[in-house]
Amino acid sequence: MTPEQLLYRSAVELGAETRTSNATVVRTLQTLGYAGLAELKTAIARPFTDQTPPEVRARSRVEATKGDLPNVWEMVTTEWADRIKLMRDGFSVEAYQRAVELMLSAREIVPFGFAASFVVAEHLTFKLRRLGRRARTIRSSGFGLPDDLLGIERGDVVIAFDPGRLLVDVDVLLDRVRTVGAGCVLVTAELADQLKDAVDVVLIAPHSPTGLTGDAATAMVVADALIQGVAASDVETTVEYSHTLNTLRQQMGF
């Protein structure tokens, strides 16, 4: 079995192929220093992604499902569960608490994300406004990005969703954050070591090792945890804005 083929195998399948069990597979991986199969797949995935053309990866992914829709469902939901477990295993309560504290004290919270991560950033902004927090999403990139960066000031906190590509947009964003003395929380899969000294907090949202599940999925979980952390830390404001929102809806006839 090649490393690429391993990406699409479950612990149950590996147990069957080795005539052992899924529990034996997991224990063996732990003996080798991995938390579990999800961590091993993450380690394998990056070289495969870097060295293999996208169309070859797409063929491998589709062929791994064997054209069997129940199997597709099983593979996708299993990977989802594995990614969540991997994120839980690596969770840092100190980093999470620090991120929530920064958001609570912010003049304005500024979520930023590109491509699929923009959806997560927009979701975070939407929910924070419902909690009575001043928030705006940076929607632009390229030539239009500097206009949005002008609005970042001391006392603001940027929540940067960047799974693994260090684009010039992110470099310029972080430089602006440092220049004005704003705070920054980075939500990433791969850039923790590279950017840890440029931000205040790093929260890990693991990649999909196969492409079967969206890379922004775990970032959305982190965003929801940040939202609920802010809500739980300021109950009165949360309740007040919930009441105000409901009153406005009633005035609209809803």
Protein backbone atom coordinates (compact mmCIF):
# COMPACT_ATOMS: atom_id res chain seq x y z
CA MET A 1 0.00 0.00 0.00
CA THR A 2 1.33 3.44 -0.95
CA PRO A 3 1.17 6.44 1.40
CA GLU A 4 -1.37 8.03 -0.97
CA GLN A 5 -3.65 4.98 -0.72
CA LEU A 6 -3.44 5.15 3.07
CA LEU A 7 -5.08 8.59 2.99
CA TYR A 8 -8.35 6.99 1.94
CA ARG A 9 -8.35 4.06 4.36
CA SER A 10 -10.19 4.02 7.68
CA ALA A 11 -8.86 2.35 10.81
CA VAL A 12 -11.47 -0.38 10.35
CA GLU A 13 -10.30 -1.06 6.79
CA LEU A 14 -6.64 -1.10 7.84
CA GLY A 15 -7.50 -3.52 10.62
CA ALA A 16 -9.24 -5.84 8.17
CA GLU A 17 -6.38 -5.65 5.67
CA THR A 18 -3.79 -6.43 8.36
CA ARG A 19 -6.01 -9.11 9.94
CA THR A 20 -6.03 -7.29 13.25
CA SER A 21 -8.54 -4.66 14.41
CA ASN A 22 -9.04 -0.92 14.26
CA ALA A 23 -8.01 -0.68 17.93
CA THR A 24 -4.74 -2.47 17.13
CA VAL A 25 -4.10 -0.08 14.26
CA VAL A 26 -4.60 2.94 16.53
CA ARG A 27 -2.39 1.50 19.29
CA THR A 28 0.35 0.78 16.76
CA LEU A 29 0.23 4.36 15.48
CA GLN A 30 0.38 5.69 19.03
CA THR A 31 3.46 3.54 19.64
CA LEU A 32 5.00 5.22 16.60
CA GLY A 33 4.32 8.65 18.12
CA TYR A 34 1.08 9.61 16.36
CA ALA A 35 -2.06 10.55 18.25
CA GLY A 36 -4.05 8.46 15.78
CA LEU A 37 -4.75 7.79 12.13
CA ALA A 38 -5.89 11.38 11.48
CA GLU A 39 -2.51 12.76 12.56
CA LEU A 40 -0.67 10.27 10.36
CA LYS A 41 -2.82 11.23 7.37
CA THR A 42 -2.08 14.91 8.01
CA ALA A 43 1.65 14.18 7.94
CA ILE A 44 1.30 12.27 4.67
CA ALA A 45 -1.02 14.72 2.96
CA ARG A 46 1.29 17.71 2.55
CA PRO A 47 4.00 15.98 0.46
CA PHE A 48 1.29 14.29 -1.62
CA THR A 49 -0.42 17.65 -2.24
CA ASP A 50 2.83 19.45 -3.06
CA GLN A 51 4.15 16.80 -5.45
CA THR A 52 0.98 15.59 -7.17
CA PRO A 53 -0.94 17.56 -9.84
CA PRO A 54 -4.51 18.55 -8.83
CA GLU A 55 -6.10 16.41 -11.54
CA VAL A 56 -4.23 13.33 -10.27
CA ARG A 57 -5.35 14.03 -6.71
CA ALA A 58 -8.92 14.47 -7.95
CA ARG A 59 -8.80 11.09 -9.73
CA SER A 60 -7.35 9.37 -6.65
CA ARG A 61 -10.05 10.89 -4.46
CA VAL A 62 -12.92 9.91 -6.74
CA GLU A 63 -11.60 6.41 -7.41
CA ALA A 64 -11.15 5.83 -3.67
CA THR A 65 -14.91 6.12 -3.22
CA LYS A 66 -15.41 3.23 -5.70
CA GLY A 67 -18.46 4.99 -7.11
CA ASP A 68 -20.49 3.70 -4.16
CA LEU A 69 -22.67 6.46 -2.67
CA PRO A 70 -23.08 4.81 0.75
CA ASN A 71 -19.29 4.50 0.81
CA VAL A 72 -18.95 8.20 -0.11
CA TRP A 73 -21.17 9.09 2.83
CA GLU A 74 -19.16 6.87 5.16
CA MET A 75 -15.82 8.28 4.01
CA VAL A 76 -16.92 11.91 4.31
CA THR A 77 -18.52 11.56 7.74
CA THR A 78 -15.58 9.51 9.03
CA GLU A 79 -13.11 12.15 7.91
CA TRP A 80 -15.23 14.85 9.54
CA ALA A 81 -15.18 12.98 12.84
CA ASP A 82 -11.43 12.32 12.54
CA ARG A 83 -10.67 16.00 11.91
CA ILE A 84 -12.75 17.09 14.88
CA LYS A 85 -11.00 14.54 17.10
CA LEU A 86 -7.59 15.69 15.88
CA MET A 87 -8.54 19.29 16.67
CA ARG A 88 -9.82 18.33 20.12
CA ASP A 89 -6.66 16.36 20.90
CA GLY A 90 -4.51 19.39 20.10
CA PHE A 91 -6.75 21.94 21.81
CA SER A 92 -5.06 24.59 23.96
CA VAL A 93 -7.42 26.04 26.55
CA GLU A 94 -4.91 28.83 27.23
CA ALA A 95 -4.85 29.93 23.59
CA TYR A 96 -8.65 29.78 23.38
CA GLN A 97 -9.08 31.82 26.55
CA ARG A 98 -6.57 34.40 25.35
CA ALA A 99 -8.38 34.73 22.01
CA VAL A 100 -11.74 35.30 23.73
CA GLU A 101 -10.19 37.86 26.10
CA LEU A 102 -8.76 39.81 23.16
CA MET A 103 -12.15 39.85 21.46
CA LEU A 104 -13.94 41.00 24.61
CA SER A 105 -11.64 43.99 24.99
CA ALA A 106 -11.51 44.94 21.29
CA ARG A 107 -12.68 48.28 19.95
CA GLU A 108 -13.65 46.42 16.79
CA ILE A 109 -13.24 42.78 15.75
CA VAL A 110 -12.08 42.32 12.15
CA PRO A 111 -12.42 38.79 10.71
CA PHE A 112 -10.41 38.17 7.54
CA GLY A 113 -10.39 35.21 5.17
CA PHE A 114 -9.90 34.51 1.49
CA ALA A 115 -11.52 31.90 -0.79
CA ALA A 116 -13.62 29.46 1.28
CA SER A 117 -12.34 31.00 4.52
CA PHE A 118 -14.20 34.21 3.68
CA VAL A 119 -17.47 32.40 4.45
CA VAL A 120 -16.17 31.63 7.94
CA ALA A 121 -15.04 35.22 8.47
CA GLU A 122 -18.44 36.53 7.40
CA HIS A 123 -20.21 34.08 9.70
CA LEU A 124 -18.10 35.25 12.63
CA THR A 125 -18.87 38.90 11.93
CA PHE A 126 -22.60 38.22 11.59
CA LYS A 127 -22.81 36.36 14.90
CA LEU A 128 -20.64 38.84 16.80
CA ARG A 129 -22.90 41.72 15.79
CA ARG A 130 -25.82 39.79 17.23
CA LEU A 131 -23.91 39.72 20.52
CA GLY A 132 -23.53 43.48 20.53
CA ARG A 133 -19.92 43.49 19.35
CA ARG A 134 -18.62 45.94 16.80
CA ALA A 135 -17.34 43.80 13.92
CA ARG A 136 -16.65 44.03 10.18
CA THR A 137 -15.34 41.51 7.69
CA ILE A 138 -12.50 42.42 5.37
CA ARG A 139 -13.98 41.41 2.02
CA SER A 140 -11.29 42.60 -0.35
CA SER A 141 -8.01 41.24 -1.66
CA GLY A 142 -5.27 42.39 -3.99
CA PHE A 143 -5.40 46.05 -5.03
CA GLY A 144 -8.52 46.76 -2.96
CA LEU A 145 -7.16 45.32 0.30
CA PRO A 146 -5.24 48.44 1.47
CA ASP A 147 -8.48 50.44 1.61
CA ASP A 148 -9.89 48.02 4.18
CA LEU A 149 -6.60 47.84 6.09
CA LEU A 150 -6.73 51.61 6.66
CA GLY A 151 -9.64 51.03 9.04
CA ILE A 152 -7.64 48.81 11.41
CA GLU A 153 -6.66 50.79 14.51
CA ARG A 154 -5.02 50.30 17.88
CA GLY A 155 -7.41 48.38 20.10
CA ASP A 156 -8.84 46.33 17.24
CA VAL A 157 -8.44 42.56 16.97
CA VAL A 158 -8.06 40.82 13.61
CA ILE A 159 -9.20 37.20 13.37
CA ALA A 160 -7.25 35.87 10.39
CA PHE A 161 -8.45 32.62 8.81
CA ASP A 162 -5.58 31.27 6.72
CA PRO A 163 -5.39 27.47 6.41
CA GLY A 164 -2.00 27.20 4.80
CA ARG A 165 -1.11 29.68 2.06
CA LEU A 166 1.03 32.64 3.06
CA LEU A 167 -0.12 35.11 0.42
CA VAL A 168 1.18 38.67 0.17
CA ASP A 169 -2.28 39.80 1.37
CA VAL A 170 -1.67 38.10 4.71
CA ASP A 171 1.84 39.52 5.01
CA VAL A 172 0.56 43.06 4.45
CA LEU A 173 -2.38 42.50 6.81
CA LEU A 174 -0.10 41.35 9.64
CA ASP A 175 2.29 44.24 8.98
CA ARG A 176 -0.62 46.68 9.34
CA VAL A 177 -1.66 44.97 12.59
CA ARG A 178 1.85 45.37 14.01
CA THR A 179 2.20 48.96 12.78
CA VAL A 180 -0.94 50.25 14.51
CA GLY A 181 -0.64 48.04 17.60
CA ALA A 182 -3.77 45.96 16.98
CA GLY A 183 -4.18 42.37 18.16
CA CYS A 184 -4.38 39.28 15.97
CA VAL A 185 -5.70 35.74 16.33
CA LEU A 186 -4.58 33.34 13.60
CA VAL A 187 -6.73 30.32 12.76
CA THR A 188 -4.65 27.97 10.62
CA ALA A 189 -3.74 24.40 9.77
CA GLU A 190 -0.11 24.83 8.73
CA LEU A 191 1.19 28.32 9.43
CA ALA A 192 1.50 28.17 13.23
CA ASP A 193 5.30 27.86 13.35
CA GLN A 194 5.81 30.33 10.52
CA LEU A 195 3.58 33.10 11.93
CA LYS A 196 3.44 32.51 15.69
CA ASP A 197 5.76 35.46 16.39
CA ALA A 198 3.66 37.78 14.21
CA VAL A 199 0.34 37.19 16.01
CA ASP A 200 -0.95 37.11 19.57
CA VAL A 201 -2.68 33.73 19.48
CA VAL A 202 -2.71 30.72 17.16
CA LEU A 203 -5.69 28.35 17.03
CA ILE A 204 -5.34 25.15 15.01
CA ALA A 205 -8.00 24.07 12.50
CA PRO A 206 -6.70 20.90 10.77
CA HIS A 207 -6.77 20.51 6.99
CA SER A 208 -8.60 17.79 5.12
CA PRO A 209 -5.88 15.27 4.21
CA THR A 210 -7.84 14.05 1.19
CA GLY A 211 -10.05 16.88 -0.05
CA LEU A 212 -13.14 14.85 0.80
CA THR A 213 -14.18 17.53 3.31
CA GLY A 214 -13.86 21.30 3.05
CA ASP A 215 -10.76 22.89 4.54
CA ALA A 216 -12.87 25.68 6.04
CA ALA A 217 -14.99 23.21 8.00
CA THR A 218 -12.78 23.03 11.09
CA ALA A 219 -12.24 26.80 10.94
CA MET A 220 -16.02 27.16 11.22
CA VAL A 221 -15.93 25.08 14.41
CA VAL A 222 -13.26 27.42 15.82
CA ALA A 223 -15.37 30.44 14.85
CA ASP A 224 -18.41 29.02 16.64
CA ALA A 225 -16.32 28.33 19.74
CA LEU A 226 -15.10 31.95 19.71
CA ILE A 227 -18.68 33.22 19.31
CA GLN A 228 -19.97 31.16 22.21
CA GLY A 229 -16.93 32.07 24.32
CA VAL A 230 -17.69 35.78 23.89
CA ALA A 231 -21.38 35.20 24.61
CA ALA A 232 -20.71 33.20 27.77
CA SER A 233 -18.22 35.77 29.06
CA ASP A 234 -20.68 38.68 28.85
CA VAL A 235 -24.11 37.24 29.61
CA GLU A 236 -25.93 40.53 30.21
CA THR A 237 -24.88 42.08 26.91
CA THR A 238 -25.72 38.84 25.10
CA VAL A 239 -29.21 38.76 26.61
CA GLU A 240 -29.77 42.47 26.00
CA TYR A 241 -28.95 42.25 22.29
CA SER A 242 -30.97 39.06 21.89
CA HIS A 243 -34.00 40.89 23.32
CA THR A 244 -33.39 43.91 21.08
CA LEU A 245 -33.07 41.71 18.00
CA ASN A 246 -36.32 39.92 18.81
CA THR A 247 -38.10 43.26 19.36
CA LEU A 248 -36.94 44.53 15.97
CA ARG A 249 -38.11 41.32 14.33
CA GLN A 250 -41.53 41.69 15.94
CA GLN A 251 -41.75 45.24 14.58
CA MET A 252 -41.08 43.75 11.14
CA GLY A 253 -43.91 41.28 11.62
CA PHE A 254 -41.74 38.22 12.24
